[in-house]
Amino acid sequence: MKRILVMFALAGTLAACNNSADSSAEKKDSLDSMATERKDMVDSSAEQKKDMIDSSTEQKKDAIDRMDSMNRKDSVKKK
């Protein structure tokens, strides 16, 4: 089974490396599209992280506000 997988991998590598029909313009377009896809992926990931941080910050602010209001009520009751 391992030999078959190695043969397929070798055949795929040879087929990919022996493709001289690609012109430089096609290669440039391919690289440009890959760069654009990666940039979009990074931007999307950064946006998701930013949203997650903003959400965490809001939750923590709300928790602090609730604690402050509870402390104020307790201090009013003690007086």
PDB file of N, CA and C in Angstrom:
ATOM      1  N   MET A   1       0.827  -1.189   0.000  1.00  0.00           N
ATOM      2  CA  MET A   1       0.000   0.000   0.000  1.00  0.00           C
ATOM      3  C   MET A   1       0.872   1.254   0.000  1.00  0.00           C
ATOM      4  N   LYS A   2       1.957   1.203   0.791  1.00  0.00           N
ATOM      5  CA  LYS A   2       2.854   2.360   0.842  1.00  0.00           C
ATOM      6  C   LYS A   2       3.493   2.611  -0.518  1.00  0.00           C
ATOM      7  N   ARG A   3       3.831   1.539  -1.220  1.00  0.00           N
ATOM      8  CA  ARG A   3       4.459   1.692  -2.530  1.00  0.00           C
ATOM      9  C   ARG A   3       3.519   2.381  -3.504  1.00  0.00           C
ATOM     10  N   ILE A   4       2.240   2.036  -3.441  1.00  0.00           N
ATOM     11  CA  ILE A   4       1.258   2.654  -4.336  1.00  0.00           C
ATOM     12  C   ILE A   4       1.144   4.144  -4.045  1.00  0.00           C
ATOM     13  N   LEU A   5       1.096   4.489  -2.762  1.00  0.00           N
ATOM     14  CA  LEU A   5       1.013   5.908  -2.391  1.00  0.00           C
ATOM     15  C   LEU A   5       2.251   6.669  -2.836  1.00  0.00           C
ATOM     16  N   VAL A   6       3.416   6.063  -2.681  1.00  0.00           N
ATOM     17  CA  VAL A   6       4.660   6.708  -3.108  1.00  0.00           C
ATOM     18  C   VAL A   6       4.651   6.896  -4.625  1.00  0.00           C
ATOM     19  N   MET A   7       4.171   5.897  -5.349  1.00  0.00           N
ATOM     20  CA  MET A   7       4.118   6.018  -6.807  1.00  0.00           C
ATOM     21  C   MET A   7       3.168   7.138  -7.233  1.00  0.00           C
ATOM     22  N   PHE A   8       2.007   7.247  -6.572  1.00  0.00           N
ATOM     23  CA  PHE A   8       1.080   8.329  -6.903  1.00  0.00           C
ATOM     24  C   PHE A   8       1.686   9.690  -6.581  1.00  0.00           C
ATOM     25  N   ALA A   9       2.358   9.774  -5.459  1.00  0.00           N
ATOM     26  CA  ALA A   9       2.989  11.043  -5.087  1.00  0.00           C
ATOM     27  C   ALA A   9       4.080  11.403  -6.084  1.00  0.00           C
ATOM     28  N   LEU A  10       4.876  10.444  -6.478  1.00  0.00           N
ATOM     29  CA  LEU A  10       5.940  10.690  -7.447  1.00  0.00           C
ATOM     30  C   LEU A  10       5.359  11.089  -8.802  1.00  0.00           C
ATOM     31  N   ALA A  11       4.324  10.393  -9.233  1.00  0.00           N
ATOM     32  CA  ALA A  11       3.692  10.720 -10.513  1.00  0.00           C
ATOM     33  C   ALA A  11       3.090  12.122 -10.476  1.00  0.00           C
ATOM     34  N   GLY A  12       2.462  12.485  -9.385  1.00  0.00           N
ATOM     35  CA  GLY A  12       1.897  13.826  -9.251  1.00  0.00           C
ATOM     36  C   GLY A  12       2.958  14.896  -9.267  1.00  0.00           C
ATOM     37  N   THR A  13       4.070  14.626  -8.600  1.00  0.00           N
ATOM     38  CA  THR A  13       5.165  15.590  -8.567  1.00  0.00           C
ATOM     39  C   THR A  13       5.764  15.770  -9.960  1.00  0.00           C
ATOM     40  N   LEU A  14       5.981  14.671 -10.632  1.00  0.00           N
ATOM     41  CA  LEU A  14       6.544  14.765 -11.988  1.00  0.00           C
ATOM     42  C   LEU A  14       5.593  15.475 -12.942  1.00  0.00           C
ATOM     43  N   ALA A  15       4.320  15.214 -12.825  1.00  0.00           N
ATOM     44  CA  ALA A  15       3.344  15.866 -13.695  1.00  0.00           C
ATOM     45  C   ALA A  15       3.297  17.364 -13.419  1.00  0.00           C
ATOM     46  N   ALA A  16       3.393  17.751 -12.157  1.00  0.00           N
ATOM     47  CA  ALA A  16       3.329  19.174 -11.805  1.00  0.00           C
ATOM     48  C   ALA A  16       4.596  19.904 -12.235  1.00  0.00           C
ATOM     49  N   CYS A  17       5.724  19.262 -12.110  1.00  0.00           N
ATOM     50  CA  CYS A  17       6.991  19.910 -12.449  1.00  0.00           C
ATOM     51  C   CYS A  17       7.253  19.945 -13.947  1.00  0.00           C
ATOM     52  N   ASN A  18       6.590  19.123 -14.712  1.00  0.00           N
ATOM     53  CA  ASN A  18       6.852  19.029 -16.138  1.00  0.00           C
ATOM     54  C   ASN A  18       5.844  19.832 -16.956  1.00  0.00           C
ATOM     55  N   ASN A  19       5.161  20.762 -16.351  1.00  0.00           N
ATOM     56  CA  ASN A  19       4.148  21.527 -17.056  1.00  0.00           C
ATOM     57  C   ASN A  19       4.775  22.800 -17.602  1.00  0.00           C
ATOM     58  N   SER A  20       5.396  22.717 -18.765  1.00  0.00           N
ATOM     59  CA  SER A  20       6.071  23.876 -19.351  1.00  0.00           C
ATOM     60  C   SER A  20       5.125  24.715 -20.198  1.00  0.00           C
ATOM     61  N   ALA A  21       3.873  24.331 -20.294  1.00  0.00           N
ATOM     62  CA  ALA A  21       2.914  25.054 -21.117  1.00  0.00           C
ATOM     63  C   ALA A  21       2.436  26.346 -20.448  1.00  0.00           C
ATOM     64  N   ASP A  22       2.637  26.470 -19.141  1.00  0.00           N
ATOM     65  CA  ASP A  22       2.216  27.685 -18.441  1.00  0.00           C
ATOM     66  C   ASP A  22       3.087  28.857 -18.869  1.00  0.00           C
ATOM     67  N   SER A  23       2.439  29.915 -19.260  1.00  0.00           N
ATOM     68  CA  SER A  23       3.190  31.109 -19.618  1.00  0.00           C
ATOM     69  C   SER A  23       3.463  31.921 -18.363  1.00  0.00           C
ATOM     70  N   SER A  24       4.360  32.861 -18.480  1.00  0.00           N
ATOM     71  CA  SER A  24       4.702  33.683 -17.318  1.00  0.00           C
ATOM     72  C   SER A  24       3.514  34.538 -16.889  1.00  0.00           C
ATOM     73  N   ALA A  25       2.677  34.952 -17.834  1.00  0.00           N
ATOM     74  CA  ALA A  25       1.497  35.744 -17.486  1.00  0.00           C
ATOM     75  C   ALA A  25       0.512  34.913 -16.669  1.00  0.00           C
ATOM     76  N   GLU A  26       0.340  33.648 -17.045  1.00  0.00           N
ATOM     77  CA  GLU A  26      -0.556  32.774 -16.289  1.00  0.00           C
ATOM     78  C   GLU A  26      -0.015  32.534 -14.883  1.00  0.00           C
ATOM     79  N   LYS A  27       1.301  32.371 -14.789  1.00  0.00           N
ATOM     80  CA  LYS A  27       1.918  32.171 -13.477  1.00  0.00           C
ATOM     81  C   LYS A  27       1.728  33.405 -12.616  1.00  0.00           C
ATOM     82  N   LYS A  28       1.901  34.603 -13.227  1.00  0.00           N
ATOM     83  CA  LYS A  28       1.739  35.850 -12.478  1.00  0.00           C
ATOM     84  C   LYS A  28       0.293  35.984 -12.003  1.00  0.00           C
ATOM     85  N   ASP A  29      -0.664  35.681 -12.877  1.00  0.00           N
ATOM     86  CA  ASP A  29      -2.073  35.752 -12.495  1.00  0.00           C
ATOM     87  C   ASP A  29      -2.382  34.784 -11.363  1.00  0.00           C
ATOM     88  N   SER A  30      -1.809  33.599 -11.457  1.00  0.00           N
ATOM     89  CA  SER A  30      -2.021  32.596 -10.421  1.00  0.00           C
ATOM     90  C   SER A  30      -1.453  33.082  -9.091  1.00  0.00           C
ATOM     91  N   LEU A  31      -0.250  33.637  -9.122  1.00  0.00           N
ATOM     92  CA  LEU A  31       0.366  34.144  -7.892  1.00  0.00           C
ATOM     93  C   LEU A  31      -0.423  35.324  -7.328  1.00  0.00           C
ATOM     94  N   ASP A  32      -0.893  36.198  -8.218  1.00  0.00           N
ATOM     95  CA  ASP A  32      -1.696  37.333  -7.762  1.00  0.00           C
ATOM     96  C   ASP A  32      -2.984  36.873  -7.092  1.00  0.00           C
ATOM     97  N   SER A  33      -3.637  35.877  -7.679  1.00  0.00           N
ATOM     98  CA  SER A  33      -4.880  35.399  -7.080  1.00  0.00           C
ATOM     99  C   SER A  33      -4.612  34.713  -5.745  1.00  0.00           C
ATOM    100  N   MET A  34      -3.495  33.984  -5.660  1.00  0.00           N
ATOM    101  CA  MET A  34      -3.150  33.350  -4.380  1.00  0.00           C
ATOM    102  C   MET A  34      -2.854  34.413  -3.320  1.00  0.00           C
ATOM    103  N   ALA A  35      -2.156  35.465  -3.714  1.00  0.00           N
ATOM    104  CA  ALA A  35      -1.836  36.532  -2.772  1.00  0.00           C
ATOM    105  C   ALA A  35      -3.114  37.224  -2.301  1.00  0.00           C
ATOM    106  N   THR A  36      -4.035  37.447  -3.221  1.00  0.00           N
ATOM    107  CA  THR A  36      -5.304  38.081  -2.859  1.00  0.00           C
ATOM    108  C   THR A  36      -6.100  37.193  -1.911  1.00  0.00           C
ATOM    109  N   GLU A  37      -6.135  35.893  -2.187  1.00  0.00           N
ATOM    110  CA  GLU A  37      -6.856  34.968  -1.313  1.00  0.00           C
ATOM    111  C   GLU A  37      -6.253  34.957   0.090  1.00  0.00           C
ATOM    112  N   ARG A  38      -4.930  34.931   0.155  1.00  0.00           N
ATOM    113  CA  ARG A  38      -4.278  34.925   1.472  1.00  0.00           C
ATOM    114  C   ARG A  38      -4.529  36.225   2.218  1.00  0.00           C
ATOM    115  N   LYS A  39      -4.478  37.342   1.496  1.00  0.00           N
ATOM    116  CA  LYS A  39      -4.747  38.632   2.137  1.00  0.00           C
ATOM    117  C   LYS A  39      -6.164  38.654   2.686  1.00  0.00           C
ATOM    118  N   ASP A  40      -7.122  38.169   1.890  1.00  0.00           N
ATOM    119  CA  ASP A  40      -8.508  38.117   2.351  1.00  0.00           C
ATOM    120  C   ASP A  40      -8.653  37.219   3.571  1.00  0.00           C
ATOM    121  N   MET A  41      -7.930  36.096   3.569  1.00  0.00           N
ATOM    122  CA  MET A  41      -7.997  35.172   4.694  1.00  0.00           C
ATOM    123  C   MET A  41      -7.424  35.827   5.957  1.00  0.00           C
ATOM    124  N   VAL A  42      -6.306  36.528   5.812  1.00  0.00           N
ATOM    125  CA  VAL A  42      -5.698  37.210   6.961  1.00  0.00           C
ATOM    126  C   VAL A  42      -6.620  38.315   7.460  1.00  0.00           C
ATOM    127  N   ASP A  43      -7.185  39.084   6.541  1.00  0.00           N
ATOM    128  CA  ASP A  43      -8.100  40.149   6.934  1.00  0.00           C
ATOM    129  C   ASP A  43      -9.318  39.589   7.663  1.00  0.00           C
ATOM    130  N   SER A  44      -9.850  38.502   7.161  1.00  0.00           N
ATOM    131  CA  SER A  44     -11.007  37.869   7.785  1.00  0.00           C
ATOM    132  C   SER A  44     -10.663  37.371   9.177  1.00  0.00           C
ATOM    133  N   SER A  45      -9.515  36.750   9.294  1.00  0.00           N
ATOM    134  CA  SER A  45      -9.079  36.235  10.596  1.00  0.00           C
ATOM    135  C   SER A  45      -8.861  37.382  11.580  1.00  0.00           C
ATOM    136  N   ALA A  46      -8.259  38.444  11.111  1.00  0.00           N
ATOM    137  CA  ALA A  46      -8.021  39.605  11.974  1.00  0.00           C
ATOM    138  C   ALA A  46      -9.342  40.218  12.426  1.00  0.00           C
ATOM    139  N   GLU A  47     -10.303  40.289  11.521  1.00  0.00           N
ATOM    140  CA  GLU A  47     -11.619  40.842  11.862  1.00  0.00           C
ATOM    141  C   GLU A  47     -12.319  39.972  12.905  1.00  0.00           C
ATOM    142  N   GLN A  48     -12.212  38.648  12.750  1.00  0.00           N
ATOM    143  CA  GLN A  48     -12.826  37.744  13.727  1.00  0.00           C
ATOM    144  C   GLN A  48     -12.187  37.904  15.092  1.00  0.00           C
ATOM    145  N   LYS A  49     -10.869  38.015  15.137  1.00  0.00           N
ATOM    146  CA  LYS A  49     -10.168  38.199  16.422  1.00  0.00           C
ATOM    147  C   LYS A  49     -10.572  39.532  17.049  1.00  0.00           C
ATOM    148  N   LYS A  50     -10.675  40.580  16.233  1.00  0.00           N
ATOM    149  CA  LYS A  50     -11.063  41.889  16.749  1.00  0.00           C
ATOM    150  C   LYS A  50     -12.464  41.827  17.346  1.00  0.00           C
ATOM    151  N   ASP A  51     -13.380  41.159  16.628  1.00  0.00           N
ATOM    152  CA  ASP A  51     -14.743  41.023  17.148  1.00  0.00           C
ATOM    153  C   ASP A  51     -14.763  40.248  18.460  1.00  0.00           C
ATOM    154  N   MET A  52     -13.945  39.204  18.540  1.00  0.00           N
ATOM    155  CA  MET A  52     -13.882  38.404  19.759  1.00  0.00           C
ATOM    156  C   MET A  52     -13.340  39.240  20.927  1.00  0.00           C
ATOM    157  N   ILE A  53     -12.315  40.030  20.670  1.00  0.00           N
ATOM    158  CA  ILE A  53     -11.741  40.877  21.716  1.00  0.00           C
ATOM    159  C   ILE A  53     -12.749  41.934  22.151  1.00  0.00           C
ATOM    160  N   ASP A  54     -13.430  42.546  21.182  1.00  0.00           N
ATOM    161  CA  ASP A  54     -14.443  43.551  21.518  1.00  0.00           C
ATOM    162  C   ASP A  54     -15.558  42.943  22.359  1.00  0.00           C
ATOM    163  N   SER A  55     -15.979  41.748  22.021  1.00  0.00           N
ATOM    164  CA  SER A  55     -17.034  41.073  22.762  1.00  0.00           C
ATOM    165  C   SER A  55     -16.581  40.776  24.189  1.00  0.00           C
ATOM    166  N   SER A  56     -15.363  40.287  24.336  1.00  0.00           N
ATOM    167  CA  SER A  56     -14.826  39.994  25.668  1.00  0.00           C
ATOM    168  C   SER A  56     -14.726  41.264  26.506  1.00  0.00           C
ATOM    169  N   THR A  57     -14.284  42.324  25.864  1.00  0.00           N
ATOM    170  CA  THR A  57     -14.149  43.596  26.571  1.00  0.00           C
ATOM    171  C   THR A  57     -15.504  44.092  27.056  1.00  0.00           C
ATOM    172  N   GLU A  58     -16.510  44.005  26.200  1.00  0.00           N
ATOM    173  CA  GLU A  58     -17.852  44.433  26.588  1.00  0.00           C
ATOM    174  C   GLU A  58     -18.393  43.586  27.744  1.00  0.00           C
ATOM    175  N   GLN A  59     -18.165  42.288  27.696  1.00  0.00           N
ATOM    176  CA  GLN A  59     -18.641  41.414  28.764  1.00  0.00           C
ATOM    177  C   GLN A  59     -17.965  41.764  30.081  1.00  0.00           C
ATOM    178  N   LYS A  60     -16.685  42.028  30.029  1.00  0.00           N
ATOM    179  CA  LYS A  60     -15.956  42.381  31.253  1.00  0.00           C
ATOM    180  C   LYS A  60     -16.401  43.734  31.787  1.00  0.00           C
ATOM    181  N   LYS A  61     -16.651  44.690  30.889  1.00  0.00           N
ATOM    182  CA  LYS A  61     -17.147  45.993  31.331  1.00  0.00           C
ATOM    183  C   LYS A  61     -18.512  45.850  32.006  1.00  0.00           C
ATOM    184  N   ASP A  62     -19.373  45.030  31.409  1.00  0.00           N
ATOM    185  CA  ASP A  62     -20.692  44.801  31.998  1.00  0.00           C
ATOM    186  C   ASP A  62     -20.576  44.153  33.372  1.00  0.00           C
ATOM    187  N   ALA A  63     -19.678  43.203  33.511  1.00  0.00           N
ATOM    188  CA  ALA A  63     -19.488  42.536  34.801  1.00  0.00           C
ATOM    189  C   ALA A  63     -18.978  43.527  35.843  1.00  0.00           C
ATOM    190  N   ILE A  64     -18.054  44.387  35.448  1.00  0.00           N
ATOM    191  CA  ILE A  64     -17.519  45.392  36.375  1.00  0.00           C
ATOM    192  C   ILE A  64     -18.617  46.376  36.766  1.00  0.00           C
ATOM    193  N   ASP A  65     -19.421  46.797  35.798  1.00  0.00           N
ATOM    194  CA  ASP A  65     -20.521  47.722  36.097  1.00  0.00           C
ATOM    195  C   ASP A  65     -21.517  47.093  37.074  1.00  0.00           C
ATOM    196  N   ARG A  66     -21.817  45.798  36.867  1.00  0.00           N
ATOM    197  CA  ARG A  66     -22.743  45.120  37.782  1.00  0.00           C
ATOM    198  C   ARG A  66     -22.159  45.039  39.181  1.00  0.00           C
ATOM    199  N   MET A  67     -20.872  44.751  39.264  1.00  0.00           N
ATOM    200  CA  MET A  67     -20.218  44.670  40.582  1.00  0.00           C
ATOM    201  C   MET A  67     -20.224  46.040  41.257  1.00  0.00           C
ATOM    202  N   ASP A  68     -19.960  47.091  40.487  1.00  0.00           N
ATOM    203  CA  ASP A  68     -19.983  48.442  41.057  1.00  0.00           C
ATOM    204  C   ASP A  68     -21.369  48.804  41.569  1.00  0.00           C
ATOM    205  N   SER A  69     -22.397  48.478  40.802  1.00  0.00           N
ATOM    206  CA  SER A  69     -23.749  48.815  41.243  1.00  0.00           C
ATOM    207  C   SER A  69     -24.123  48.003  42.481  1.00  0.00           C
ATOM    208  N   MET A  70     -23.692  46.755  42.561  1.00  0.00           N
ATOM    209  CA  MET A  70     -23.961  45.946  43.750  1.00  0.00           C
ATOM    210  C   MET A  70     -23.227  46.509  44.960  1.00  0.00           C
ATOM    211  N   ASN A  71     -21.999  46.952  44.759  1.00  0.00           N
ATOM    212  CA  ASN A  71     -21.229  47.535  45.860  1.00  0.00           C
ATOM    213  C   ASN A  71     -21.858  48.838  46.337  1.00  0.00           C
ATOM    214  N   ARG A  72     -22.377  49.639  45.416  1.00  0.00           N
ATOM    215  CA  ARG A  72     -23.033  50.890  45.803  1.00  0.00           C
ATOM    216  C   ARG A  72     -24.288  50.607  46.615  1.00  0.00           C
ATOM    217  N   LYS A  73     -25.058  49.611  46.187  1.00  0.00           N
ATOM    218  CA  LYS A  73     -26.275  49.267  46.934  1.00  0.00           C
ATOM    219  C   LYS A  73     -25.934  48.776  48.331  1.00  0.00           C
ATOM    220  N   ASP A  74     -24.859  47.966  48.431  1.00  0.00           N
ATOM    221  CA  ASP A  74     -24.451  47.449  49.743  1.00  0.00           C
ATOM    222  C   ASP A  74     -23.968  48.580  50.641  1.00  0.00           C
ATOM    223  N   SER A  75     -23.247  49.558  50.073  1.00  0.00           N
ATOM    224  CA  SER A  75     -22.751  50.651  50.898  1.00  0.00           C
ATOM    225  C   SER A  75     -23.895  51.555  51.342  1.00  0.00           C
ATOM    226  N   VAL A  76     -24.941  51.710  50.533  1.00  0.00           N
ATOM    227  CA  VAL A  76     -26.100  52.521  50.904  1.00  0.00           C
ATOM    228  C   VAL A  76     -26.871  51.826  52.018  1.00  0.00           C
ATOM    229  N   LYS A  77     -27.016  50.506  51.933  1.00  0.00           N
ATOM    230  CA  LYS A  77     -27.746  49.751  52.952  1.00  0.00           C
ATOM    231  C   LYS A  77     -27.036  49.801  54.280  1.00  0.00           C
ATOM    232  N   LYS A  78     -25.704  49.811  54.304  1.00  0.00           N
ATOM    233  CA  LYS A  78     -24.936  49.812  55.547  1.00  0.00           C
ATOM    234  C   LYS A  78     -25.031  51.153  56.250  1.00  0.00           C
ATOM    235  N   LYS A  79     -25.282  52.217  55.541  1.00  0.00           N
ATOM    236  CA  LYS A  79     -25.326  53.553  56.157  1.00  0.00           C
ATOM    237  C   LYS A  79     -26.631  53.712  56.812  1.00  0.00           C
TER     238      LYS A  79
END
